[in-house]
Amino acid sequence: MHKVAFEIFGFQIFWYGVLAALGFMAAFGTASRRAPRAGLKGDDVFNLAPWIIVGAVVGARLLYVISYWNKEFAGQPWTQIFNMRSGLVYYGGLIGASLATIIFCYRQKIYLWRMSDVMAPSVALGHAFGRIGCFMTGCCYGKPTDLPWAVCFPDDHLMKNVPVHPTQLYESALNFLLYAGLVWIFKRRKFDGQVFAIYLMAYAVVRTTTEMFRGDYTKFYLGGIATPGQTVSIGIMAAGLILWWKQRGAKLATPGTAS
């Protein structure tokens, strides 16, 4: 765990920001090269980029504030909401980015599910980089374990010198595998929305699985058996199943079809 990557003129540059930036670049770069296979232009992806970035950050921050209101924000000045030294929640970012994509595609008359299929593999790729950033920051840490690949965080961490599951790396590795699988599926998709639907369902499984090893939660749901991430995963899985069911009989859209 090393939060600070380097310093420039006395300003600290954090690994989380560096890896998040690398994730965004990798995501939009790969998606732009994939776009022509779906009848879109690479520029369509790059024009979407600022919408997704803003939607993801706002959504991720909003869900974090809602989730940790009593713990971090209740009774504090309202400006604390904008103090980005505290965290973000991935599912909030996914929802925010999805809403931004819907608005962008509607305004640009781009078929929504085609763009969603183009972006789906790259979402997994960008997230893989982000989870490495979590590892370097020390957030989203795992439960104590005596497994040989356990990691120990330094003295300034809550779990200092306690061997824990490297849950951030588990999820990063699974996201890299998910990216490869979705790329393979994209080339063989049968209907628009198929790849994005599979992403939603597959990531819900990935998240539910890795959450079993997380050790940073203090609040649980569904009678105390589910973490916040597992609870939201139920809705994400349902959304993927509904999208698959709704789109499964549709043919691949022809270029130029509006959403």
Protein backbone atom coordinates (compact mmCIF):
# COMPACT_ATOMS: atom_id res chain seq x y z
CA MET A 1 0.00 0.00 0.00
CA HIS A 2 1.51 3.29 -1.14
CA LYS A 3 -1.06 6.06 -1.52
CA VAL A 4 1.30 8.59 -3.07
CA ALA A 5 2.70 7.78 -6.50
CA PHE A 6 5.02 10.78 -6.76
CA GLU A 7 5.29 14.51 -6.11
CA ILE A 8 5.45 17.39 -8.58
CA PHE A 9 6.50 20.80 -7.26
CA GLY A 10 5.37 19.81 -3.79
CA PHE A 11 2.00 18.44 -4.91
CA GLN A 12 1.30 14.82 -4.13
CA ILE A 13 -0.08 12.66 -6.94
CA PHE A 14 -1.99 9.68 -5.59
CA TRP A 15 -1.96 6.20 -7.06
CA TYR A 16 -5.75 6.03 -7.03
CA GLY A 17 -5.98 9.02 -9.35
CA VAL A 18 -3.20 7.73 -11.60
CA LEU A 19 -4.77 4.29 -11.96
CA ALA A 20 -8.27 5.72 -12.41
CA ALA A 21 -6.94 7.89 -15.23
CA LEU A 22 -5.20 4.88 -16.80
CA GLY A 23 -8.46 2.95 -16.49
CA PHE A 24 -10.45 5.64 -18.27
CA MET A 25 -7.85 5.90 -21.05
CA ALA A 26 -7.76 2.13 -21.52
CA ALA A 27 -11.55 1.95 -21.50
CA PHE A 28 -12.20 4.67 -24.06
CA GLY A 29 -9.23 3.69 -26.21
CA THR A 30 -10.35 0.08 -26.57
CA ALA A 31 -14.00 1.04 -27.01
CA SER A 32 -13.15 3.49 -29.80
CA ARG A 33 -11.40 0.71 -31.71
CA ARG A 34 -14.36 -1.60 -31.15
CA ALA A 35 -16.98 0.94 -32.24
CA PRO A 36 -16.70 0.42 -36.05
CA ARG A 37 -17.64 -3.25 -35.58
CA ALA A 38 -21.01 -2.00 -34.34
CA GLY A 39 -21.51 0.65 -37.01
CA LEU A 40 -20.36 3.50 -34.77
CA LYS A 41 -17.48 5.92 -35.08
CA GLY A 42 -14.54 6.04 -32.73
CA ASP A 43 -15.33 9.73 -32.26
CA ASP A 44 -18.74 8.76 -30.87
CA VAL A 45 -16.97 7.04 -27.98
CA PHE A 46 -14.64 9.96 -27.33
CA ASN A 47 -17.57 12.39 -27.44
CA LEU A 48 -19.32 10.20 -24.88
CA ALA A 49 -16.24 10.16 -22.62
CA PRO A 50 -16.85 13.43 -20.68
CA TRP A 51 -20.47 12.46 -20.12
CA ILE A 52 -19.48 9.11 -18.65
CA ILE A 53 -16.69 10.60 -16.51
CA VAL A 54 -18.98 13.23 -14.99
CA GLY A 55 -21.85 10.78 -14.55
CA ALA A 56 -19.60 8.16 -12.97
CA VAL A 57 -17.96 10.53 -10.50
CA VAL A 58 -21.23 12.21 -9.48
CA GLY A 59 -23.06 8.89 -9.17
CA ALA A 60 -20.24 7.21 -7.26
CA ARG A 61 -19.94 10.11 -4.84
CA LEU A 62 -23.70 10.44 -4.35
CA LEU A 63 -24.14 6.77 -3.45
CA TYR A 64 -21.16 6.98 -1.08
CA VAL A 65 -22.68 9.97 0.71
CA ILE A 66 -26.03 8.19 0.99
CA SER A 67 -24.42 4.95 2.20
CA TYR A 68 -22.16 6.60 4.80
CA TRP A 69 -24.32 9.56 5.77
CA ASN A 70 -24.62 8.71 9.48
CA LYS A 71 -20.98 7.68 9.76
CA GLU A 72 -19.27 10.58 7.97
CA PHE A 73 -21.66 13.36 7.00
CA ALA A 74 -24.45 13.78 9.57
CA GLY A 75 -23.84 16.91 11.61
CA GLN A 76 -20.94 17.97 9.40
CA PRO A 77 -20.78 21.09 7.21
CA TRP A 78 -22.46 20.44 3.86
CA THR A 79 -19.15 21.17 2.15
CA GLN A 80 -17.92 17.83 3.51
CA ILE A 81 -19.91 16.20 0.69
CA PHE A 82 -17.41 17.63 -1.80
CA ASN A 83 -14.34 16.55 0.16
CA MET A 84 -13.06 13.91 -2.24
CA ARG A 85 -10.50 12.61 0.24
CA SER A 86 -13.19 10.14 1.24
CA GLY A 87 -14.64 7.52 -1.03
CA LEU A 88 -16.68 6.59 -4.04
CA VAL A 89 -19.02 3.63 -4.58
CA TYR A 90 -18.64 1.74 -7.86
CA TYR A 91 -22.31 0.85 -8.30
CA GLY A 92 -23.22 4.52 -7.97
CA GLY A 93 -20.69 5.27 -10.70
CA LEU A 94 -22.17 2.56 -12.93
CA ILE A 95 -25.67 3.94 -12.49
CA GLY A 96 -24.52 7.54 -13.05
CA ALA A 97 -22.51 6.59 -16.15
CA SER A 98 -25.47 4.62 -17.52
CA LEU A 99 -27.83 7.58 -17.10
CA ALA A 100 -25.29 9.87 -18.78
CA THR A 101 -24.99 7.41 -21.68
CA ILE A 102 -28.77 7.32 -22.11
CA ILE A 103 -28.93 11.11 -22.30
CA PHE A 104 -25.97 11.32 -24.69
CA CYS A 105 -27.33 8.66 -27.05
CA TYR A 106 -30.76 10.27 -27.09
CA ARG A 107 -29.29 13.69 -27.92
CA GLN A 108 -26.95 12.30 -30.59
CA LYS A 109 -29.53 9.87 -32.03
CA ILE A 110 -27.24 6.89 -31.44
CA TYR A 111 -28.81 3.50 -30.83
CA LEU A 112 -28.42 3.05 -27.06
CA TRP A 113 -27.92 -0.71 -26.86
CA ARG A 114 -25.32 -0.72 -29.60
CA MET A 115 -23.26 1.87 -27.72
CA SER A 116 -23.79 -0.08 -24.50
CA ASP A 117 -22.39 -3.23 -26.11
CA VAL A 118 -19.37 -1.30 -27.36
CA MET A 119 -18.67 0.11 -23.91
CA ALA A 120 -19.43 -2.97 -21.77
CA PRO A 121 -16.06 -4.77 -22.10
CA SER A 122 -14.21 -1.52 -21.51
CA VAL A 123 -16.17 -0.83 -18.33
CA ALA A 124 -14.76 -4.06 -16.92
CA LEU A 125 -11.26 -3.10 -18.11
CA GLY A 126 -11.37 0.35 -16.55
CA HIS A 127 -12.73 -1.08 -13.31
CA ALA A 128 -9.83 -3.56 -13.15
CA PHE A 129 -7.40 -0.63 -13.04
CA GLY A 130 -9.55 1.13 -10.46
CA ARG A 131 -9.43 -1.82 -8.10
CA ILE A 132 -5.64 -1.80 -8.23
CA GLY A 133 -5.96 1.83 -7.16
CA CYS A 134 -8.08 0.66 -4.21
CA PHE A 135 -5.32 -1.76 -3.25
CA MET A 136 -2.68 0.97 -3.34
CA THR A 137 -4.93 3.22 -1.24
CA GLY A 138 -5.88 0.50 1.26
CA CYS A 139 -9.64 0.83 0.93
CA CYS A 140 -12.05 -2.08 0.30
CA TYR A 141 -9.73 -4.36 2.26
CA GLY A 142 -10.38 -8.00 3.07
CA LYS A 143 -11.02 -10.15 6.11
CA PRO A 144 -8.12 -11.57 8.14
CA THR A 145 -6.73 -14.81 6.72
CA ASP A 146 -3.72 -17.08 7.07
CA LEU A 147 -3.59 -17.97 3.37
CA PRO A 148 -0.10 -17.72 1.85
CA TRP A 149 -1.11 -14.85 -0.46
CA ALA A 150 -2.47 -12.70 2.36
CA VAL A 151 -1.22 -9.11 2.47
CA CYS A 152 -0.37 -6.81 5.36
CA PHE A 153 -0.96 -3.08 5.27
CA PRO A 154 1.40 -0.61 6.99
CA ASP A 155 1.09 0.98 10.42
CA ASP A 156 -1.16 3.85 9.30
CA HIS A 157 -3.86 1.42 8.14
CA LEU A 158 -6.78 0.24 10.28
CA MET A 159 -5.71 -3.38 9.74
CA LYS A 160 -2.01 -2.67 10.30
CA ASN A 161 0.16 -5.79 10.27
CA VAL A 162 -2.88 -8.09 10.12
CA PRO A 163 -2.78 -10.53 7.15
CA VAL A 164 -5.94 -10.01 5.10
CA HIS A 165 -7.43 -11.14 1.81
CA PRO A 166 -6.29 -8.91 -1.08
CA THR A 167 -9.92 -8.50 -2.14
CA GLN A 168 -9.08 -5.55 -4.39
CA LEU A 169 -6.74 -7.76 -6.43
CA TYR A 170 -9.30 -10.58 -6.53
CA GLU A 171 -11.82 -8.24 -8.13
CA SER A 172 -9.23 -6.68 -10.43
CA ALA A 173 -8.20 -10.09 -11.78
CA LEU A 174 -11.83 -11.12 -12.30
CA ASN A 175 -12.53 -7.87 -14.14
CA PHE A 176 -9.59 -8.45 -16.48
CA LEU A 177 -11.02 -11.93 -17.20
CA LEU A 178 -14.48 -10.44 -17.65
CA TYR A 179 -13.07 -7.94 -20.14
CA ALA A 180 -11.51 -10.73 -22.21
CA GLY A 181 -14.73 -12.75 -22.12
CA LEU A 182 -16.90 -9.81 -23.15
CA VAL A 183 -14.58 -8.98 -26.05
CA TRP A 184 -14.98 -12.56 -27.26
CA ILE A 185 -18.77 -12.37 -26.88
CA PHE A 186 -18.96 -8.97 -28.60
CA LYS A 187 -17.57 -10.47 -31.81
CA ARG A 188 -20.28 -13.16 -31.72
CA ARG A 189 -23.26 -11.21 -30.33
CA LYS A 190 -26.70 -11.99 -31.74
CA PHE A 191 -28.66 -8.91 -30.68
CA ASP A 192 -28.03 -5.36 -29.49
CA GLY A 193 -27.82 -5.18 -25.72
CA GLN A 194 -26.53 -8.74 -25.35
CA VAL A 195 -23.01 -7.83 -24.26
CA PHE A 196 -24.16 -5.20 -21.78
CA ALA A 197 -26.75 -7.58 -20.33
CA ILE A 198 -24.07 -10.24 -19.84
CA TYR A 199 -21.79 -7.66 -18.22
CA LEU A 200 -24.48 -6.72 -15.70
CA MET A 201 -25.19 -10.34 -14.80
CA ALA A 202 -21.54 -11.41 -14.74
CA TYR A 203 -20.37 -8.48 -12.66
CA ALA A 204 -23.18 -9.06 -10.16
CA VAL A 205 -21.73 -12.55 -9.66
CA VAL A 206 -18.17 -11.21 -9.46
CA ARG A 207 -19.13 -8.59 -6.89
CA THR A 208 -21.22 -10.97 -4.80
CA THR A 209 -18.34 -13.44 -4.70
CA THR A 210 -15.57 -11.00 -3.81
CA GLU A 211 -17.76 -9.33 -1.19
CA MET A 212 -17.64 -12.56 0.83
CA PHE A 213 -13.98 -11.80 1.54
CA ARG A 214 -14.40 -8.08 2.32
CA GLY A 215 -13.62 -6.99 5.86
CA ASP A 216 -14.39 -3.26 5.79
CA TYR A 217 -18.16 -3.32 6.22
CA THR A 218 -19.92 -2.45 9.47
CA LYS A 219 -23.49 -2.48 8.13
CA PHE A 220 -25.33 -5.40 6.55
CA TYR A 221 -28.74 -5.89 4.95
CA LEU A 222 -31.32 -8.62 4.28
CA GLY A 223 -31.34 -9.76 7.85
CA GLY A 224 -27.61 -9.28 8.29
CA ILE A 225 -26.53 -11.73 5.59
CA ALA A 226 -25.70 -9.36 2.72
CA THR A 227 -23.18 -6.56 2.33
CA PRO A 228 -24.29 -3.32 0.66
CA GLY A 229 -22.54 -4.46 -2.54
CA GLN A 230 -24.29 -7.83 -2.52
CA THR A 231 -27.64 -6.15 -1.93
CA VAL A 232 -27.22 -3.84 -4.92
CA SER A 233 -25.98 -6.81 -6.97
CA ILE A 234 -29.47 -8.31 -6.74
CA GLY A 235 -30.85 -5.29 -8.58
CA ILE A 236 -28.01 -5.31 -11.11
CA MET A 237 -28.59 -9.00 -11.83
CA ALA A 238 -32.31 -8.33 -12.28
CA ALA A 239 -31.56 -5.46 -14.67
CA GLY A 240 -29.31 -7.73 -16.76
CA LEU A 241 -31.93 -10.47 -16.90
CA ILE A 242 -34.66 -8.01 -17.89
CA LEU A 243 -32.49 -6.48 -20.61
CA TRP A 244 -31.64 -9.94 -21.99
CA TRP A 245 -35.32 -10.96 -21.97
CA LYS A 246 -36.42 -7.70 -23.59
CA GLN A 247 -33.78 -7.68 -26.35
CA ARG A 248 -33.25 -11.40 -27.04
CA GLY A 249 -35.61 -11.49 -30.03
CA ALA A 250 -34.30 -8.31 -31.62
CA LYS A 251 -31.93 -8.35 -34.56
CA LEU A 252 -28.70 -6.40 -34.60
CA ALA A 253 -29.69 -2.84 -35.45
CA THR A 254 -28.63 -1.31 -38.74
CA PRO A 255 -26.28 1.71 -38.61
CA GLY A 256 -28.02 5.03 -38.09
CA THR A 257 -30.94 3.72 -36.02
CA ALA A 258 -31.83 6.11 -33.19
CA SER A 259 -32.44 5.09 -29.61
